[in-house]
Amino acid sequence: MGNRTYIVADVEPLDVDGVRTVEVGTAVWLVAFIALLPFYGTLEESGRLWWLWTCLAGFGLGLFGLEYCRRRRKVRAEMAAQQ
């Protein structure tokens, strides 16, 4: 496809360990769960109650992911300190 030259900027990634990203995602799942709670009856009648439980599962899995990312950040910091 021709000769192309790609220039790569010398920029560090903003969120290397992913903790902030997982925190925001977990918070969004919690907010969605709380926002859907007043519509429990409507969701049940329309057969979409699974929306509520999906939000709760997303929040729970986000908590596990958050703990994983925090441990990973700690291990990476310890490895960097040893070098």
PDB file of N, CA and C in Angstrom:
ATOM      1  N   MET A   1       0.818  -1.190   0.000  1.00  0.00           N
ATOM      2  CA  MET A   1       0.000   0.000   0.000  1.00  0.00           C
ATOM      3  C   MET A   1       0.861   1.253   0.000  1.00  0.00           C
ATOM      4  N   GLY A   2       2.012   1.162  -0.489  1.00  0.00           N
ATOM      5  CA  GLY A   2       2.863   2.346  -0.538  1.00  0.00           C
ATOM      6  C   GLY A   2       3.769   2.444   0.662  1.00  0.00           C
ATOM      7  N   ASN A   3       4.656   3.391   0.600  1.00  0.00           N
ATOM      8  CA  ASN A   3       5.566   3.624   1.716  1.00  0.00           C
ATOM      9  C   ASN A   3       4.955   4.656   2.646  1.00  0.00           C
ATOM     10  N   ARG A   4       4.799   4.257   3.873  1.00  0.00           N
ATOM     11  CA  ARG A   4       4.233   5.173   4.870  1.00  0.00           C
ATOM     12  C   ARG A   4       5.185   5.258   6.047  1.00  0.00           C
ATOM     13  N   THR A   5       5.307   6.433   6.567  1.00  0.00           N
ATOM     14  CA  THR A   5       6.126   6.653   7.746  1.00  0.00           C
ATOM     15  C   THR A   5       5.209   6.990   8.907  1.00  0.00           C
ATOM     16  N   TYR A   6       5.347   6.234   9.982  1.00  0.00           N
ATOM     17  CA  TYR A   6       4.534   6.458  11.159  1.00  0.00           C
ATOM     18  C   TYR A   6       5.382   7.118  12.240  1.00  0.00           C
ATOM     19  N   ILE A   7       4.857   8.148  12.823  1.00  0.00           N
ATOM     20  CA  ILE A   7       5.548   8.849  13.896  1.00  0.00           C
ATOM     21  C   ILE A   7       4.877   8.473  15.210  1.00  0.00           C
ATOM     22  N   VAL A   8       5.678   8.025  16.160  1.00  0.00           N
ATOM     23  CA  VAL A   8       5.161   7.628  17.460  1.00  0.00           C
ATOM     24  C   VAL A   8       5.605   8.670  18.476  1.00  0.00           C
ATOM     25  N   ALA A   9       4.637   9.242  19.172  1.00  0.00           N
ATOM     26  CA  ALA A   9       4.951  10.266  20.169  1.00  0.00           C
ATOM     27  C   ALA A   9       5.532   9.616  21.425  1.00  0.00           C
ATOM     28  N   ASP A  10       6.463  10.313  22.057  1.00  0.00           N
ATOM     29  CA  ASP A  10       7.067   9.844  23.297  1.00  0.00           C
ATOM     30  C   ASP A  10       6.197  10.285  24.465  1.00  0.00           C
ATOM     31  N   VAL A  11       5.073   9.626  24.631  1.00  0.00           N
ATOM     32  CA  VAL A  11       4.126   9.976  25.685  1.00  0.00           C
ATOM     33  C   VAL A  11       3.844   8.728  26.516  1.00  0.00           C
ATOM     34  N   GLU A  12       3.916   8.875  27.826  1.00  0.00           N
ATOM     35  CA  GLU A  12       3.603   7.767  28.721  1.00  0.00           C
ATOM     36  C   GLU A  12       2.086   7.589  28.808  1.00  0.00           C
ATOM     37  N   PRO A  13       1.608   6.363  28.986  1.00  0.00           N
ATOM     38  CA  PRO A  13       0.174   6.153  29.168  1.00  0.00           C
ATOM     39  C   PRO A  13      -0.321   6.838  30.443  1.00  0.00           C
ATOM     40  N   LEU A  14      -1.561   7.273  30.430  1.00  0.00           N
ATOM     41  CA  LEU A  14      -2.093   7.986  31.579  1.00  0.00           C
ATOM     42  C   LEU A  14      -2.361   7.073  32.763  1.00  0.00           C
ATOM     43  N   ASP A  15      -2.966   5.914  32.523  1.00  0.00           N
ATOM     44  CA  ASP A  15      -3.355   5.023  33.608  1.00  0.00           C
ATOM     45  C   ASP A  15      -2.700   3.667  33.388  1.00  0.00           C
ATOM     46  N   VAL A  16      -1.513   3.509  33.925  1.00  0.00           N
ATOM     47  CA  VAL A  16      -0.740   2.302  33.661  1.00  0.00           C
ATOM     48  C   VAL A  16      -1.318   1.096  34.390  1.00  0.00           C
ATOM     49  N   ASP A  17      -1.763   1.267  35.636  1.00  0.00           N
ATOM     50  CA  ASP A  17      -2.199   0.126  36.429  1.00  0.00           C
ATOM     51  C   ASP A  17      -3.688  -0.181  36.311  1.00  0.00           C
ATOM     52  N   GLY A  18      -4.492   0.713  35.791  1.00  0.00           N
ATOM     53  CA  GLY A  18      -5.907   0.445  35.559  1.00  0.00           C
ATOM     54  C   GLY A  18      -6.809   0.615  36.756  1.00  0.00           C
ATOM     55  N   VAL A  19      -6.270   1.037  37.896  1.00  0.00           N
ATOM     56  CA  VAL A  19      -7.084   1.157  39.106  1.00  0.00           C
ATOM     57  C   VAL A  19      -8.181   2.201  38.919  1.00  0.00           C
ATOM     58  N   ARG A  20      -7.842   3.357  38.413  1.00  0.00           N
ATOM     59  CA  ARG A  20      -8.841   4.414  38.240  1.00  0.00           C
ATOM     60  C   ARG A  20      -9.932   3.988  37.261  1.00  0.00           C
ATOM     61  N   THR A  21      -9.536   3.315  36.201  1.00  0.00           N
ATOM     62  CA  THR A  21     -10.505   2.857  35.207  1.00  0.00           C
ATOM     63  C   THR A  21     -11.494   1.871  35.819  1.00  0.00           C
ATOM     64  N   VAL A  22     -11.002   0.934  36.607  1.00  0.00           N
ATOM     65  CA  VAL A  22     -11.876  -0.047  37.245  1.00  0.00           C
ATOM     66  C   VAL A  22     -12.745   0.629  38.300  1.00  0.00           C
ATOM     67  N   GLU A  23     -12.201   1.610  39.022  1.00  0.00           N
ATOM     68  CA  GLU A  23     -13.006   2.339  40.004  1.00  0.00           C
ATOM     69  C   GLU A  23     -14.185   3.045  39.346  1.00  0.00           C
ATOM     70  N   VAL A  24     -13.927   3.704  38.244  1.00  0.00           N
ATOM     71  CA  VAL A  24     -14.999   4.422  37.538  1.00  0.00           C
ATOM     72  C   VAL A  24     -16.028   3.434  36.999  1.00  0.00           C
ATOM     73  N   GLY A  25     -15.587   2.356  36.405  1.00  0.00           N
ATOM     74  CA  GLY A  25     -16.516   1.360  35.879  1.00  0.00           C
ATOM     75  C   GLY A  25     -17.377   0.738  36.962  1.00  0.00           C
ATOM     76  N   THR A  26     -16.775   0.432  38.109  1.00  0.00           N
ATOM     77  CA  THR A  26     -17.520  -0.135  39.229  1.00  0.00           C
ATOM     78  C   THR A  26     -18.543   0.859  39.749  1.00  0.00           C
ATOM     79  N   ALA A  27     -18.159   2.116  39.836  1.00  0.00           N
ATOM     80  CA  ALA A  27     -19.086   3.150  40.300  1.00  0.00           C
ATOM     81  C   ALA A  27     -20.259   3.316  39.324  1.00  0.00           C
ATOM     82  N   VAL A  28     -19.994   3.213  38.047  1.00  0.00           N
ATOM     83  CA  VAL A  28     -21.078   3.330  37.054  1.00  0.00           C
ATOM     84  C   VAL A  28     -22.069   2.183  37.208  1.00  0.00           C
ATOM     85  N   TRP A  29     -21.594   0.964  37.435  1.00  0.00           N
ATOM     86  CA  TRP A  29     -22.497  -0.165  37.650  1.00  0.00           C
ATOM     87  C   TRP A  29     -23.342   0.044  38.903  1.00  0.00           C
ATOM     88  N   LEU A  30     -22.730   0.583  39.969  1.00  0.00           N
ATOM     89  CA  LEU A  30     -23.485   0.835  41.204  1.00  0.00           C
ATOM     90  C   LEU A  30     -24.548   1.902  40.984  1.00  0.00           C
ATOM     91  N   VAL A  31     -24.200   2.968  40.296  1.00  0.00           N
ATOM     92  CA  VAL A  31     -25.167   4.037  40.016  1.00  0.00           C
ATOM     93  C   VAL A  31     -26.312   3.505  39.162  1.00  0.00           C
ATOM     94  N   ALA A  32     -25.998   2.666  38.179  1.00  0.00           N
ATOM     95  CA  ALA A  32     -27.042   2.086  37.340  1.00  0.00           C
ATOM     96  C   ALA A  32     -27.968   1.193  38.164  1.00  0.00           C
ATOM     97  N   PHE A  33     -27.408   0.411  39.083  1.00  0.00           N
ATOM     98  CA  PHE A  33     -28.226  -0.438  39.956  1.00  0.00           C
ATOM     99  C   PHE A  33     -29.164   0.404  40.805  1.00  0.00           C
ATOM    100  N   ILE A  34     -28.630   1.448  41.422  1.00  0.00           N
ATOM    101  CA  ILE A  34     -29.449   2.317  42.270  1.00  0.00           C
ATOM    102  C   ILE A  34     -30.505   3.049  41.447  1.00  0.00           C
ATOM    103  N   ALA A  35     -30.157   3.445  40.242  1.00  0.00           N
ATOM    104  CA  ALA A  35     -31.109   4.149  39.382  1.00  0.00           C
ATOM    105  C   ALA A  35     -32.253   3.240  38.945  1.00  0.00           C
ATOM    106  N   LEU A  36     -31.991   1.949  38.811  1.00  0.00           N
ATOM    107  CA  LEU A  36     -33.032   1.013  38.378  1.00  0.00           C
ATOM    108  C   LEU A  36     -33.899   0.495  39.520  1.00  0.00           C
ATOM    109  N   LEU A  37     -33.456   0.649  40.757  1.00  0.00           N
ATOM    110  CA  LEU A  37     -34.230   0.142  41.892  1.00  0.00           C
ATOM    111  C   LEU A  37     -35.668   0.677  41.950  1.00  0.00           C
ATOM    112  N   PRO A  38     -35.912   1.970  41.722  1.00  0.00           N
ATOM    113  CA  PRO A  38     -37.303   2.445  41.778  1.00  0.00           C
ATOM    114  C   PRO A  38     -38.203   1.826  40.706  1.00  0.00           C
ATOM    115  N   PHE A  39     -37.630   1.255  39.681  1.00  0.00           N
ATOM    116  CA  PHE A  39     -38.396   0.674  38.583  1.00  0.00           C
ATOM    117  C   PHE A  39     -38.482  -0.845  38.684  1.00  0.00           C
ATOM    118  N   TYR A  40     -38.307  -1.372  39.886  1.00  0.00           N
ATOM    119  CA  TYR A  40     -38.304  -2.823  40.090  1.00  0.00           C
ATOM    120  C   TYR A  40     -39.584  -3.464  39.548  1.00  0.00           C
ATOM    121  N   GLY A  41     -40.726  -2.916  39.905  1.00  0.00           N
ATOM    122  CA  GLY A  41     -42.004  -3.470  39.462  1.00  0.00           C
ATOM    123  C   GLY A  41     -42.168  -3.423  37.957  1.00  0.00           C
ATOM    124  N   THR A  42     -41.812  -2.307  37.376  1.00  0.00           N
ATOM    125  CA  THR A  42     -41.916  -2.155  35.919  1.00  0.00           C
ATOM    126  C   THR A  42     -40.988  -3.125  35.202  1.00  0.00           C
ATOM    127  N   LEU A  43     -39.787  -3.272  35.722  1.00  0.00           N
ATOM    128  CA  LEU A  43     -38.846  -4.212  35.113  1.00  0.00           C
ATOM    129  C   LEU A  43     -39.344  -5.644  35.227  1.00  0.00           C
ATOM    130  N   GLU A  44     -39.945  -5.967  36.354  1.00  0.00           N
ATOM    131  CA  GLU A  44     -40.464  -7.322  36.556  1.00  0.00           C
ATOM    132  C   GLU A  44     -41.631  -7.609  35.609  1.00  0.00           C
ATOM    133  N   GLU A  45     -42.515  -6.636  35.449  1.00  0.00           N
ATOM    134  CA  GLU A  45     -43.673  -6.819  34.558  1.00  0.00           C
ATOM    135  C   GLU A  45     -43.256  -6.972  33.100  1.00  0.00           C
ATOM    136  N   SER A  46     -42.236  -6.247  32.705  1.00  0.00           N
ATOM    137  CA  SER A  46     -41.817  -6.284  31.302  1.00  0.00           C
ATOM    138  C   SER A  46     -40.812  -7.402  31.000  1.00  0.00           C
ATOM    139  N   GLY A  47     -40.443  -8.174  32.008  1.00  0.00           N
ATOM    140  CA  GLY A  47     -39.494  -9.267  31.794  1.00  0.00           C
ATOM    141  C   GLY A  47     -38.056  -8.806  31.673  1.00  0.00           C
ATOM    142  N   ARG A  48     -37.765  -7.628  32.186  1.00  0.00           N
ATOM    143  CA  ARG A  48     -36.399  -7.090  32.104  1.00  0.00           C
ATOM    144  C   ARG A  48     -35.751  -6.929  33.477  1.00  0.00           C
ATOM    145  N   LEU A  49     -36.156  -7.759  34.408  1.00  0.00           N
ATOM    146  CA  LEU A  49     -35.579  -7.695  35.746  1.00  0.00           C
ATOM    147  C   LEU A  49     -34.094  -8.048  35.735  1.00  0.00           C
ATOM    148  N   TRP A  50     -33.694  -8.765  34.693  1.00  0.00           N
ATOM    149  CA  TRP A  50     -32.282  -9.133  34.580  1.00  0.00           C
ATOM    150  C   TRP A  50     -31.397  -7.904  34.462  1.00  0.00           C
ATOM    151  N   TRP A  51     -31.919  -6.767  34.015  1.00  0.00           N
ATOM    152  CA  TRP A  51     -31.131  -5.536  33.948  1.00  0.00           C
ATOM    153  C   TRP A  51     -30.599  -5.177  35.328  1.00  0.00           C
ATOM    154  N   LEU A  52     -31.480  -5.283  36.320  1.00  0.00           N
ATOM    155  CA  LEU A  52     -31.106  -4.936  37.689  1.00  0.00           C
ATOM    156  C   LEU A  52     -29.993  -5.857  38.194  1.00  0.00           C
ATOM    157  N   TRP A  53     -30.165  -7.164  37.954  1.00  0.00           N
ATOM    158  CA  TRP A  53     -29.181  -8.116  38.450  1.00  0.00           C
ATOM    159  C   TRP A  53     -27.878  -8.051  37.664  1.00  0.00           C
ATOM    160  N   THR A  54     -27.947  -7.630  36.417  1.00  0.00           N
ATOM    161  CA  THR A  54     -26.726  -7.427  35.639  1.00  0.00           C
ATOM    162  C   THR A  54     -25.904  -6.293  36.237  1.00  0.00           C
ATOM    163  N   CYS A  55     -26.584  -5.218  36.635  1.00  0.00           N
ATOM    164  CA  CYS A  55     -25.879  -4.097  37.269  1.00  0.00           C
ATOM    165  C   CYS A  55     -25.238  -4.524  38.582  1.00  0.00           C
ATOM    166  N   LEU A  56     -25.958  -5.322  39.354  1.00  0.00           N
ATOM    167  CA  LEU A  56     -25.407  -5.788  40.622  1.00  0.00           C
ATOM    168  C   LEU A  56     -24.210  -6.706  40.393  1.00  0.00           C
ATOM    169  N   ALA A  57     -24.302  -7.571  39.394  1.00  0.00           N
ATOM    170  CA  ALA A  57     -23.177  -8.455  39.069  1.00  0.00           C
ATOM    171  C   ALA A  57     -21.985  -7.649  38.566  1.00  0.00           C
ATOM    172  N   GLY A  58     -22.242  -6.623  37.763  1.00  0.00           N
ATOM    173  CA  GLY A  58     -21.164  -5.760  37.284  1.00  0.00           C
ATOM    174  C   GLY A  58     -20.456  -5.061  38.428  1.00  0.00           C
ATOM    175  N   PHE A  59     -21.228  -4.618  39.404  1.00  0.00           N
ATOM    176  CA  PHE A  59     -20.637  -3.976  40.581  1.00  0.00           C
ATOM    177  C   PHE A  59     -19.794  -4.976  41.381  1.00  0.00           C
ATOM    178  N   GLY A  60     -20.340  -6.168  41.604  1.00  0.00           N
ATOM    179  CA  GLY A  60     -19.599  -7.189  42.363  1.00  0.00           C
ATOM    180  C   GLY A  60     -18.315  -7.602  41.668  1.00  0.00           C
ATOM    181  N   LEU A  61     -18.383  -7.834  40.369  1.00  0.00           N
ATOM    182  CA  LEU A  61     -17.181  -8.207  39.628  1.00  0.00           C
ATOM    183  C   LEU A  61     -16.185  -7.052  39.580  1.00  0.00           C
ATOM    184  N   GLY A  62     -16.713  -5.826  39.560  1.00  0.00           N
ATOM    185  CA  GLY A  62     -15.840  -4.663  39.597  1.00  0.00           C
ATOM    186  C   GLY A  62     -15.050  -4.582  40.893  1.00  0.00           C
ATOM    187  N   LEU A  63     -15.680  -4.975  42.006  1.00  0.00           N
ATOM    188  CA  LEU A  63     -14.957  -4.991  43.281  1.00  0.00           C
ATOM    189  C   LEU A  63     -13.814  -6.000  43.254  1.00  0.00           C
ATOM    190  N   PHE A  64     -14.057  -7.173  42.664  1.00  0.00           N
ATOM    191  CA  PHE A  64     -12.976  -8.149  42.519  1.00  0.00           C
ATOM    192  C   PHE A  64     -11.872  -7.603  41.617  1.00  0.00           C
ATOM    193  N   GLY A  65     -12.258  -6.983  40.522  1.00  0.00           N
ATOM    194  CA  GLY A  65     -11.281  -6.403  39.604  1.00  0.00           C
ATOM    195  C   GLY A  65     -10.480  -5.290  40.249  1.00  0.00           C
ATOM    196  N   LEU A  66     -11.140  -4.512  41.085  1.00  0.00           N
ATOM    197  CA  LEU A  66     -10.452  -3.426  41.779  1.00  0.00           C
ATOM    198  C   LEU A  66      -9.386  -3.967  42.725  1.00  0.00           C
ATOM    199  N   GLU A  67      -9.726  -4.995  43.459  1.00  0.00           N
ATOM    200  CA  GLU A  67      -8.752  -5.607  44.362  1.00  0.00           C
ATOM    201  C   GLU A  67      -7.585  -6.202  43.570  1.00  0.00           C
ATOM    202  N   TYR A  68      -7.881  -6.828  42.441  1.00  0.00           N
ATOM    203  CA  TYR A  68      -6.837  -7.391  41.589  1.00  0.00           C
ATOM    204  C   TYR A  68      -5.892  -6.294  41.099  1.00  0.00           C
ATOM    205  N   CYS A  69      -6.452  -5.192  40.617  1.00  0.00           N
ATOM    206  CA  CYS A  69      -5.624  -4.102  40.089  1.00  0.00           C
ATOM    207  C   CYS A  69      -4.796  -3.441  41.190  1.00  0.00           C
ATOM    208  N   ARG A  70      -5.367  -3.319  42.363  1.00  0.00           N
ATOM    209  CA  ARG A  70      -4.604  -2.727  43.475  1.00  0.00           C
ATOM    210  C   ARG A  70      -3.429  -3.622  43.869  1.00  0.00           C
ATOM    211  N   ARG A  71      -3.666  -4.923  43.927  1.00  0.00           N
ATOM    212  CA  ARG A  71      -2.570  -5.839  44.253  1.00  0.00           C
ATOM    213  C   ARG A  71      -1.500  -5.799  43.170  1.00  0.00           C
ATOM    214  N   ARG A  72      -1.946  -5.741  41.925  1.00  0.00           N
ATOM    215  CA  ARG A  72      -1.006  -5.675  40.799  1.00  0.00           C
ATOM    216  C   ARG A  72      -0.168  -4.408  40.876  1.00  0.00           C
ATOM    217  N   ARG A  73      -0.800  -3.277  41.204  1.00  0.00           N
ATOM    218  CA  ARG A  73      -0.069  -2.013  41.329  1.00  0.00           C
ATOM    219  C   ARG A  73       0.961  -2.110  42.456  1.00  0.00           C
ATOM    220  N   LYS A  74       0.579  -2.747  43.566  1.00  0.00           N
ATOM    221  CA  LYS A  74       1.490  -2.886  44.700  1.00  0.00           C
ATOM    222  C   LYS A  74       2.707  -3.737  44.324  1.00  0.00           C
ATOM    223  N   VAL A  75       2.459  -4.846  43.637  1.00  0.00           N
ATOM    224  CA  VAL A  75       3.558  -5.731  43.227  1.00  0.00           C
ATOM    225  C   VAL A  75       4.470  -5.011  42.245  1.00  0.00           C
ATOM    226  N   ARG A  76       3.896  -4.276  41.307  1.00  0.00           N
ATOM    227  CA  ARG A  76       4.728  -3.541  40.341  1.00  0.00           C
ATOM    228  C   ARG A  76       5.563  -2.473  41.033  1.00  0.00           C
ATOM    229  N   ALA A  77       5.013  -1.811  42.042  1.00  0.00           N
ATOM    230  CA  ALA A  77       5.755  -0.792  42.775  1.00  0.00           C
ATOM    231  C   ALA A  77       6.911  -1.438  43.552  1.00  0.00           C
ATOM    232  N   GLU A  78       6.666  -2.613  44.133  1.00  0.00           N
ATOM    233  CA  GLU A  78       7.718  -3.308  44.857  1.00  0.00           C
ATOM    234  C   GLU A  78       8.830  -3.780  43.912  1.00  0.00           C
ATOM    235  N   MET A  79       8.438  -4.235  42.736  1.00  0.00           N
ATOM    236  CA  MET A  79       9.445  -4.671  41.755  1.00  0.00           C
ATOM    237  C   MET A  79      10.271  -3.478  41.268  1.00  0.00           C
ATOM    238  N   ALA A  80       9.628  -2.335  41.088  1.00  0.00           N
ATOM    239  CA  ALA A  80      10.357  -1.142  40.644  1.00  0.00           C
ATOM    240  C   ALA A  80      11.291  -0.646  41.741  1.00  0.00           C
ATOM    241  N   ALA A  81      10.889  -0.805  42.995  1.00  0.00           N
ATOM    242  CA  ALA A  81      11.734  -0.376  44.106  1.00  0.00           C
ATOM    243  C   ALA A  81      12.962  -1.270  44.249  1.00  0.00           C
ATOM    244  N   GLN A  82      12.823  -2.548  43.918  1.00  0.00           N
ATOM    245  CA  GLN A  82      13.947  -3.475  44.003  1.00  0.00           C
ATOM    246  C   GLN A  82      14.979  -3.232  42.917  1.00  0.00           C
ATOM    247  N   GLN A  83      14.534  -2.708  41.785  1.00  0.00           N
ATOM    248  CA  GLN A  83      15.463  -2.453  40.681  1.00  0.00           C
ATOM    249  C   GLN A  83      16.117  -1.183  40.933  1.00  0.00           C
TER     250      GLN A  83
END
